[in-house]
């Protein structure tokens, strides 16, 4: 049996600003990675990571986990797009 708990975050104004800045950086990085993947025709997670990981960390200031998440989300989006185009 699974237990589901709903949690509401109540960040301080400083925490809210930091969270918003991080989300904006993640979205900007995802846009850049999607363009890079399209330009280089690289859509697999591992291959795209070789091209983008270091630049995401350097240019967008994201931590390792967030950088990996950006790349994975982009590759998943392209996989979904290609699957939908085939059907």
PDB file of N, CA and C in Angstrom:
ATOM      1  N   UNK A   1       0.844  -1.173   0.000  1.00  0.00           N
ATOM      2  CA  UNK A   1       0.000   0.000   0.000  1.00  0.00           C
ATOM      3  C   UNK A   1       0.889   1.236   0.000  1.00  0.00           C
ATOM      4  N   UNK A   2       0.580   2.167  -0.882  1.00  0.00           N
ATOM      5  CA  UNK A   2       1.336   3.410  -0.956  1.00  0.00           C
ATOM      6  C   UNK A   2       0.660   4.485  -0.127  1.00  0.00           C
ATOM      7  N   UNK A   3       1.474   5.286   0.496  1.00  0.00           N
ATOM      8  CA  UNK A   3       0.989   6.414   1.266  1.00  0.00           C
ATOM      9  C   UNK A   3       1.403   7.680   0.532  1.00  0.00           C
ATOM     10  N   UNK A   4       0.455   8.530   0.236  1.00  0.00           N
ATOM     11  CA  UNK A   4       0.722   9.773  -0.476  1.00  0.00           C
ATOM     12  C   UNK A   4       0.533  10.929   0.488  1.00  0.00           C
ATOM     13  N   UNK A   5       1.526  11.795   0.505  1.00  0.00           N
ATOM     14  CA  UNK A   5       1.478  12.951   1.388  1.00  0.00           C
ATOM     15  C   UNK A   5       1.615  14.202   0.538  1.00  0.00           C
ATOM     16  N   UNK A   6       0.754  15.147   0.748  1.00  0.00           N
ATOM     17  CA  UNK A   6       0.832  16.414   0.040  1.00  0.00           C
ATOM     18  C   UNK A   6       1.507  17.425   0.962  1.00  0.00           C
ATOM     19  N   UNK A   7       2.530  18.074   0.433  1.00  0.00           N
ATOM     20  CA  UNK A   7       3.309  19.021   1.221  1.00  0.00           C
ATOM     21  C   UNK A   7       3.262  20.374   0.537  1.00  0.00           C
ATOM     22  N   UNK A   8       3.112  21.399   1.316  1.00  0.00           N
ATOM     23  CA  UNK A   8       3.104  22.749   0.772  1.00  0.00           C
ATOM     24  C   UNK A   8       4.354  23.472   1.265  1.00  0.00           C
ATOM     25  N   UNK A   9       5.122  24.004   0.324  1.00  0.00           N
ATOM     26  CA  UNK A   9       6.325  24.744   0.685  1.00  0.00           C
ATOM     27  C   UNK A   9       5.957  26.169   1.055  1.00  0.00           C
ATOM     28  N   UNK A  10       6.550  26.649   2.102  1.00  0.00           N
ATOM     29  CA  UNK A  10       6.361  28.033   2.527  1.00  0.00           C
ATOM     30  C   UNK A  10       7.737  28.685   2.658  1.00  0.00           C
ATOM     31  N   UNK A  11       8.362  28.984   1.515  1.00  0.00           N
ATOM     32  CA  UNK A  11       9.720  29.527   1.570  1.00  0.00           C
ATOM     33  C   UNK A  11       9.730  30.986   2.018  1.00  0.00           C
ATOM     34  N   UNK A  12      10.860  31.362   2.583  1.00  0.00           N
ATOM     35  CA  UNK A  12      11.064  32.774   2.898  1.00  0.00           C
ATOM     36  C   UNK A  12      11.249  33.512   1.579  1.00  0.00           C
ATOM     37  N   UNK A  13      11.151  34.826   1.564  1.00  0.00           N
ATOM     38  CA  UNK A  13      11.366  35.556   0.307  1.00  0.00           C
ATOM     39  C   UNK A  13      12.727  35.258  -0.335  1.00  0.00           C
ATOM     40  N   UNK A  14      13.754  35.097   0.479  1.00  0.00           N
ATOM     41  CA  UNK A  14      15.079  34.779  -0.061  1.00  0.00           C
ATOM     42  C   UNK A  14      15.100  33.386  -0.688  1.00  0.00           C
ATOM     43  N   UNK A  15      14.462  32.431  -0.022  1.00  0.00           N
ATOM     44  CA  UNK A  15      14.394  31.075  -0.554  1.00  0.00           C
ATOM     45  C   UNK A  15      13.565  31.032  -1.831  1.00  0.00           C
ATOM     46  N   UNK A  16      12.481  31.790  -1.860  1.00  0.00           N
ATOM     47  CA  UNK A  16      11.638  31.837  -3.055  1.00  0.00           C
ATOM     48  C   UNK A  16      12.415  32.412  -4.230  1.00  0.00           C
ATOM     49  N   UNK A  17      13.201  33.450  -3.982  1.00  0.00           N
ATOM     50  CA  UNK A  17      14.004  34.053  -5.047  1.00  0.00           C
ATOM     51  C   UNK A  17      15.055  33.068  -5.554  1.00  0.00           C
ATOM     52  N   UNK A  18      15.688  32.338  -4.646  1.00  0.00           N
ATOM     53  CA  UNK A  18      16.689  31.352  -5.046  1.00  0.00           C
ATOM     54  C   UNK A  18      16.052  30.221  -5.844  1.00  0.00           C
ATOM     55  N   UNK A  19      14.880  29.766  -5.426  1.00  0.00           N
ATOM     56  CA  UNK A  19      14.174  28.713  -6.140  1.00  0.00           C
ATOM     57  C   UNK A  19      13.779  29.176  -7.536  1.00  0.00           C
ATOM     58  N   UNK A  20      13.264  30.388  -7.632  1.00  0.00           N
ATOM     59  CA  UNK A  20      12.880  30.927  -8.937  1.00  0.00           C
ATOM     60  C   UNK A  20      14.088  31.066  -9.853  1.00  0.00           C
ATOM     61  N   UNK A  21      15.207  31.533  -9.326  1.00  0.00           N
ATOM     62  CA  UNK A  21      16.422  31.671 -10.133  1.00  0.00           C
ATOM     63  C   UNK A  21      16.909  30.314 -10.629  1.00  0.00           C
ATOM     64  N   UNK A  22      16.819  29.304  -9.776  1.00  0.00           N
ATOM     65  CA  UNK A  22      17.234  27.961 -10.173  1.00  0.00           C
ATOM     66  C   UNK A  22      16.323  27.415 -11.264  1.00  0.00           C
ATOM     67  N   UNK A  23      15.020  27.601 -11.113  1.00  0.00           N
ATOM     68  CA  UNK A  23      14.084  27.112 -12.127  1.00  0.00           C
ATOM     69  C   UNK A  23      14.290  27.818 -13.460  1.00  0.00           C
ATOM     70  N   UNK A  24      14.559  29.104 -13.421  1.00  0.00           N
ATOM     71  CA  UNK A  24      14.844  29.837 -14.659  1.00  0.00           C
ATOM     72  C   UNK A  24      16.123  29.320 -15.316  1.00  0.00           C
ATOM     73  N   UNK A  25      17.154  29.069 -14.516  1.00  0.00           N
ATOM     74  CA  UNK A  25      18.410  28.546 -15.055  1.00  0.00           C
ATOM     75  C   UNK A  25      18.204  27.166 -15.670  1.00  0.00           C
ATOM     76  N   UNK A  26      17.417  26.324 -15.018  1.00  0.00           N
ATOM     77  CA  UNK A  26      17.133  24.989 -15.551  1.00  0.00           C
ATOM     78  C   UNK A  26      16.386  25.099 -16.875  1.00  0.00           C
ATOM     79  N   UNK A  27      15.397  25.971 -16.958  1.00  0.00           N
ATOM     80  CA  UNK A  27      14.640  26.135 -18.199  1.00  0.00           C
ATOM     81  C   UNK A  27      15.508  26.687 -19.319  1.00  0.00           C
ATOM     82  N   UNK A  28      16.353  27.662 -19.010  1.00  0.00           N
ATOM     83  CA  UNK A  28      17.256  28.207 -20.027  1.00  0.00           C
ATOM     84  C   UNK A  28      18.242  27.140 -20.495  1.00  0.00           C
ATOM     85  N   UNK A  29      18.760  26.357 -19.560  1.00  0.00           N
ATOM     86  CA  UNK A  29      19.685  25.286 -19.918  1.00  0.00           C
ATOM     87  C   UNK A  29      18.991  24.240 -20.789  1.00  0.00           C
ATOM     88  N   UNK A  30      17.759  23.902 -20.472  1.00  0.00           N
ATOM     89  CA  UNK A  30      17.020  22.917 -21.265  1.00  0.00           C
ATOM     90  C   UNK A  30      16.788  23.420 -22.685  1.00  0.00           C
ATOM     91  N   UNK A  31      16.488  24.692 -22.828  1.00  0.00           N
ATOM     92  CA  UNK A  31      16.313  25.272 -24.159  1.00  0.00           C
ATOM     93  C   UNK A  31      17.610  25.180 -24.949  1.00  0.00           C
ATOM     94  N   UNK A  32      18.712  25.513 -24.298  1.00  0.00           N
ATOM     95  CA  UNK A  32      20.014  25.452 -24.963  1.00  0.00           C
ATOM     96  C   UNK A  32      20.379  24.014 -25.340  1.00  0.00           C
ATOM     97  N   UNK A  33      20.154  23.063 -24.434  1.00  0.00           N
ATOM     98  CA  UNK A  33      20.476  21.661 -24.698  1.00  0.00           C
ATOM     99  C   UNK A  33      19.614  21.117 -25.833  1.00  0.00           C
ATOM    100  N   UNK A  34      18.348  21.492 -25.879  1.00  0.00           N
ATOM    101  CA  UNK A  34      17.473  21.034 -26.964  1.00  0.00           C
ATOM    102  C   UNK A  34      17.977  21.540 -28.310  1.00  0.00           C
ATOM    103  N   UNK A  35      18.402  22.793 -28.357  1.00  0.00           N
ATOM    104  CA  UNK A  35      18.949  23.347 -29.604  1.00  0.00           C
ATOM    105  C   UNK A  35      20.248  22.636 -29.980  1.00  0.00           C
ATOM    106  N   UNK A  36      21.090  22.370 -29.005  1.00  0.00           N
ATOM    107  CA  UNK A  36      22.348  21.665 -29.254  1.00  0.00           C
ATOM    108  C   UNK A  36      22.088  20.257 -29.780  1.00  0.00           C
ATOM    109  N   UNK A  37      21.148  19.563 -29.167  1.00  0.00           N
ATOM    110  CA  UNK A  37      20.810  18.206 -29.606  1.00  0.00           C
ATOM    111  C   UNK A  37      20.305  18.221 -31.041  1.00  0.00           C
ATOM    112  N   UNK A  38      19.459  19.173 -31.359  1.00  0.00           N
ATOM    113  CA  UNK A  38      18.920  19.270 -32.713  1.00  0.00           C
ATOM    114  C   UNK A  38      20.022  19.607 -33.712  1.00  0.00           C
ATOM    115  N   UNK A  39      20.877  20.543 -33.354  1.00  0.00           N
ATOM    116  CA  UNK A  39      21.955  20.975 -34.244  1.00  0.00           C
ATOM    117  C   UNK A  39      22.936  19.835 -34.529  1.00  0.00           C
ATOM    118  N   UNK A  40      23.312  19.096 -33.502  1.00  0.00           N
ATOM    119  CA  UNK A  40      24.308  18.035 -33.654  1.00  0.00           C
ATOM    120  C   UNK A  40      23.693  16.670 -33.942  1.00  0.00           C
ATOM    121  N   UNK A  41      22.363  16.609 -33.951  1.00  0.00           N
ATOM    122  CA  UNK A  41      21.647  15.359 -34.212  1.00  0.00           C
ATOM    123  C   UNK A  41      22.052  14.284 -33.205  1.00  0.00           C
ATOM    124  N   UNK A  42      22.124  14.672 -31.934  1.00  0.00           N
ATOM    125  CA  UNK A  42      22.489  13.770 -30.843  1.00  0.00           C
ATOM    126  C   UNK A  42      21.305  13.726 -29.891  1.00  0.00           C
ATOM    127  N   UNK A  43      20.677  12.561 -29.769  1.00  0.00           N
ATOM    128  CA  UNK A  43      19.450  12.471 -28.988  1.00  0.00           C
ATOM    129  C   UNK A  43      19.519  11.446 -27.861  1.00  0.00           C
ATOM    130  N   UNK A  44      20.616  10.739 -27.736  1.00  0.00           N
ATOM    131  CA  UNK A  44      20.765   9.761 -26.654  1.00  0.00           C
ATOM    132  C   UNK A  44      21.382  10.424 -25.436  1.00  0.00           C
ATOM    133  N   UNK A  45      20.948   9.997 -24.257  1.00  0.00           N
ATOM    134  CA  UNK A  45      21.359  10.617 -23.000  1.00  0.00           C
ATOM    135  C   UNK A  45      22.881  10.662 -22.848  1.00  0.00           C
ATOM    136  N   UNK A  46      23.527   9.530 -22.984  1.00  0.00           N
ATOM    137  CA  UNK A  46      24.973   9.475 -22.767  1.00  0.00           C
ATOM    138  C   UNK A  46      25.715  10.334 -23.785  1.00  0.00           C
ATOM    139  N   UNK A  47      25.323  10.245 -25.048  1.00  0.00           N
ATOM    140  CA  UNK A  47      25.998  11.020 -26.094  1.00  0.00           C
ATOM    141  C   UNK A  47      25.806  12.516 -25.888  1.00  0.00           C
ATOM    142  N   UNK A  48      24.600  12.914 -25.552  1.00  0.00           N
ATOM    143  CA  UNK A  48      24.326  14.330 -25.339  1.00  0.00           C
ATOM    144  C   UNK A  48      25.050  14.840 -24.098  1.00  0.00           C
ATOM    145  N   UNK A  49      25.182  14.005 -23.103  1.00  0.00           N
ATOM    146  CA  UNK A  49      25.893  14.398 -21.886  1.00  0.00           C
ATOM    147  C   UNK A  49      27.344  14.766 -22.194  1.00  0.00           C
ATOM    148  N   UNK A  50      27.976  14.032 -23.097  1.00  0.00           N
ATOM    149  CA  UNK A  50      29.364  14.341 -23.470  1.00  0.00           C
ATOM    150  C   UNK A  50      29.482  15.736 -24.067  1.00  0.00           C
ATOM    151  N   UNK A  51      28.461  16.183 -24.796  1.00  0.00           N
ATOM    152  CA  UNK A  51      28.492  17.493 -25.449  1.00  0.00           C
ATOM    153  C   UNK A  51      28.071  18.627 -24.526  1.00  0.00           C
ATOM    154  N   UNK A  52      27.183  18.362 -23.581  1.00  0.00           N
ATOM    155  CA  UNK A  52      26.517  19.459 -22.879  1.00  0.00           C
ATOM    156  C   UNK A  52      26.818  19.586 -21.391  1.00  0.00           C
ATOM    157  N   UNK A  53      27.184  18.522 -20.729  1.00  0.00           N
ATOM    158  CA  UNK A  53      27.249  18.516 -19.265  1.00  0.00           C
ATOM    159  C   UNK A  53      28.146  19.620 -18.698  1.00  0.00           C
ATOM    160  N   UNK A  54      29.364  19.692 -19.150  1.00  0.00           N
ATOM    161  CA  UNK A  54      30.302  20.686 -18.621  1.00  0.00           C
ATOM    162  C   UNK A  54      29.847  22.105 -18.865  1.00  0.00           C
ATOM    163  N   UNK A  55      29.298  22.347 -20.046  1.00  0.00           N
ATOM    164  CA  UNK A  55      28.841  23.699 -20.374  1.00  0.00           C
ATOM    165  C   UNK A  55      27.615  24.090 -19.558  1.00  0.00           C
ATOM    166  N   UNK A  56      26.754  23.145 -19.271  1.00  0.00           N
ATOM    167  CA  UNK A  56      25.590  23.452 -18.429  1.00  0.00           C
ATOM    168  C   UNK A  56      26.065  23.896 -17.049  1.00  0.00           C
ATOM    169  N   UNK A  57      26.987  23.143 -16.482  1.00  0.00           N
ATOM    170  CA  UNK A  57      27.486  23.488 -15.148  1.00  0.00           C
ATOM    171  C   UNK A  57      28.195  24.837 -15.159  1.00  0.00           C
ATOM    172  N   UNK A  58      29.008  25.085 -16.180  1.00  0.00           N
ATOM    173  CA  UNK A  58      29.775  26.332 -16.241  1.00  0.00           C
ATOM    174  C   UNK A  58      28.906  27.537 -16.571  1.00  0.00           C
ATOM    175  N   UNK A  59      28.075  27.417 -17.596  1.00  0.00           N
ATOM    176  CA  UNK A  59      27.321  28.571 -18.100  1.00  0.00           C
ATOM    177  C   UNK A  59      26.072  28.893 -17.289  1.00  0.00           C
ATOM    178  N   UNK A  60      25.459  27.882 -16.685  1.00  0.00           N
ATOM    179  CA  UNK A  60      24.195  28.105 -15.986  1.00  0.00           C
ATOM    180  C   UNK A  60      24.323  27.955 -14.473  1.00  0.00           C
ATOM    181  N   UNK A  61      25.487  27.551 -13.994  1.00  0.00           N
ATOM    182  CA  UNK A  61      25.720  27.450 -12.561  1.00  0.00           C
ATOM    183  C   UNK A  61      24.902  26.378 -11.867  1.00  0.00           C
ATOM    184  N   UNK A  62      24.534  25.345 -12.595  1.00  0.00           N
ATOM    185  CA  UNK A  62      23.717  24.285 -12.002  1.00  0.00           C
ATOM    186  C   UNK A  62      24.592  23.221 -11.362  1.00  0.00           C
ATOM    187  N   UNK A  63      24.080  22.591 -10.337  1.00  0.00           N
ATOM    188  CA  UNK A  63      24.776  21.482  -9.688  1.00  0.00           C
ATOM    189  C   UNK A  63      24.715  20.252 -10.594  1.00  0.00           C
ATOM    190  N   UNK A  64      25.479  19.245 -10.241  1.00  0.00           N
ATOM    191  CA  UNK A  64      25.588  18.046 -11.070  1.00  0.00           C
ATOM    192  C   UNK A  64      24.241  17.371 -11.292  1.00  0.00           C
ATOM    193  N   UNK A  65      23.456  17.207 -10.236  1.00  0.00           N
ATOM    194  CA  UNK A  65      22.172  16.521 -10.366  1.00  0.00           C
ATOM    195  C   UNK A  65      21.222  17.297 -11.271  1.00  0.00           C
ATOM    196  N   UNK A  66      21.192  18.602 -11.134  1.00  0.00           N
ATOM    197  CA  UNK A  66      20.318  19.415 -11.980  1.00  0.00           C
ATOM    198  C   UNK A  66      20.772  19.366 -13.435  1.00  0.00           C
ATOM    199  N   UNK A  67      22.072  19.382 -13.662  1.00  0.00           N
ATOM    200  CA  UNK A  67      22.593  19.308 -15.032  1.00  0.00           C
ATOM    201  C   UNK A  67      22.213  17.978 -15.677  1.00  0.00           C
ATOM    202  N   UNK A  68      22.352  16.888 -14.934  1.00  0.00           N
ATOM    203  CA  UNK A  68      21.961  15.575 -15.450  1.00  0.00           C
ATOM    204  C   UNK A  68      20.463  15.530 -15.742  1.00  0.00           C
ATOM    205  N   UNK A  69      19.683  16.134 -14.862  1.00  0.00           N
ATOM    206  CA  UNK A  69      18.231  16.146 -15.023  1.00  0.00           C
ATOM    207  C   UNK A  69      17.829  16.906 -16.289  1.00  0.00           C
ATOM    208  N   UNK A  70      18.483  18.019 -16.556  1.00  0.00           N
ATOM    209  CA  UNK A  70      18.197  18.800 -17.768  1.00  0.00           C
ATOM    210  C   UNK A  70      18.433  17.942 -19.002  1.00  0.00           C
ATOM    211  N   UNK A  71      19.568  17.278 -19.053  1.00  0.00           N
ATOM    212  CA  UNK A  71      19.903  16.451 -20.217  1.00  0.00           C
ATOM    213  C   UNK A  71      18.898  15.315 -20.368  1.00  0.00           C
ATOM    214  N   UNK A  72      18.544  14.672 -19.277  1.00  0.00           N
ATOM    215  CA  UNK A  72      17.587  13.562 -19.327  1.00  0.00           C
ATOM    216  C   UNK A  72      16.211  14.031 -19.792  1.00  0.00           C
ATOM    217  N   UNK A  73      15.773  15.187 -19.313  1.00  0.00           N
ATOM    218  CA  UNK A  73      14.468  15.705 -19.727  1.00  0.00           C
ATOM    219  C   UNK A  73      14.455  16.010 -21.223  1.00  0.00           C
ATOM    220  N   UNK A  74      15.550  16.548 -21.736  1.00  0.00           N
ATOM    221  CA  UNK A  74      15.620  16.858 -23.167  1.00  0.00           C
ATOM    222  C   UNK A  74      15.611  15.574 -23.985  1.00  0.00           C
ATOM    223  N   UNK A  75      16.394  14.583 -23.592  1.00  0.00           N
ATOM    224  CA  UNK A  75      16.409  13.333 -24.355  1.00  0.00           C
ATOM    225  C   UNK A  75      15.054  12.631 -24.282  1.00  0.00           C
ATOM    226  N   UNK A  76      14.394  12.691 -23.141  1.00  0.00           N
ATOM    227  CA  UNK A  76      13.051  12.112 -23.029  1.00  0.00           C
ATOM    228  C   UNK A  76      12.056  12.840 -23.928  1.00  0.00           C
ATOM    229  N   UNK A  77      12.168  14.155 -24.001  1.00  0.00           N
ATOM    230  CA  UNK A  77      11.261  14.933 -24.852  1.00  0.00           C
ATOM    231  C   UNK A  77      11.470  14.582 -26.321  1.00  0.00           C
ATOM    232  N   UNK A  78      12.726  14.444 -26.742  1.00  0.00           N
ATOM    233  CA  UNK A  78      12.989  14.061 -28.129  1.00  0.00           C
ATOM    234  C   UNK A  78      12.524  12.638 -28.407  1.00  0.00           C
ATOM    235  N   UNK A  79      12.678  11.730 -27.458  1.00  0.00           N
ATOM    236  CA  UNK A  79      12.204  10.357 -27.645  1.00  0.00           C
ATOM    237  C   UNK A  79      10.688  10.336 -27.819  1.00  0.00           C
ATOM    238  N   UNK A  80       9.983  11.116 -27.025  1.00  0.00           N
ATOM    239  CA  UNK A  80       8.527  11.206 -27.144  1.00  0.00           C
ATOM    240  C   UNK A  80       8.133  11.805 -28.483  1.00  0.00           C
ATOM    241  N   UNK A  81       8.827  12.855 -28.884  1.00  0.00           N
ATOM    242  CA  UNK A  81       8.540  13.491 -30.174  1.00  0.00           C
ATOM    243  C   UNK A  81       8.726  12.508 -31.321  1.00  0.00           C
ATOM    244  N   UNK A  82       9.846  11.799 -31.324  1.00  0.00           N
ATOM    245  CA  UNK A  82      10.105  10.845 -32.402  1.00  0.00           C
ATOM    246  C   UNK A  82       9.097   9.697 -32.388  1.00  0.00           C
ATOM    247  N   UNK A  83       8.703   9.241 -31.217  1.00  0.00           N
ATOM    248  CA  UNK A  83       7.708   8.167 -31.128  1.00  0.00           C
ATOM    249  C   UNK A  83       6.358   8.632 -31.658  1.00  0.00           C
ATOM    250  N   UNK A  84       5.981   9.860 -31.353  1.00  0.00           N
ATOM    251  CA  UNK A  84       4.701  10.383 -31.829  1.00  0.00           C
ATOM    252  C   UNK A  84       4.711  10.611 -33.335  1.00  0.00           C
ATOM    253  N   UNK A  85       5.850  10.973 -33.879  1.00  0.00           N
ATOM    254  CA  UNK A  85       5.933  11.185 -35.323  1.00  0.00           C
ATOM    255  C   UNK A  85       5.859   9.876 -36.096  1.00  0.00           C
ATOM    256  N   UNK A  86       6.319   8.791 -35.486  1.00  0.00           N
ATOM    257  CA  UNK A  86       6.267   7.484 -36.140  1.00  0.00           C
ATOM    258  C   UNK A  86       4.851   6.931 -36.189  1.00  0.00           C
ATOM    259  N   UNK A  87       4.029   7.315 -35.244  1.00  0.00           N
ATOM    260  CA  UNK A  87       2.663   6.759 -35.168  1.00  0.00           C
ATOM    261  C   UNK A  87       1.688   7.551 -35.955  1.00  0.00           C
TER     262      UNK A  87
END
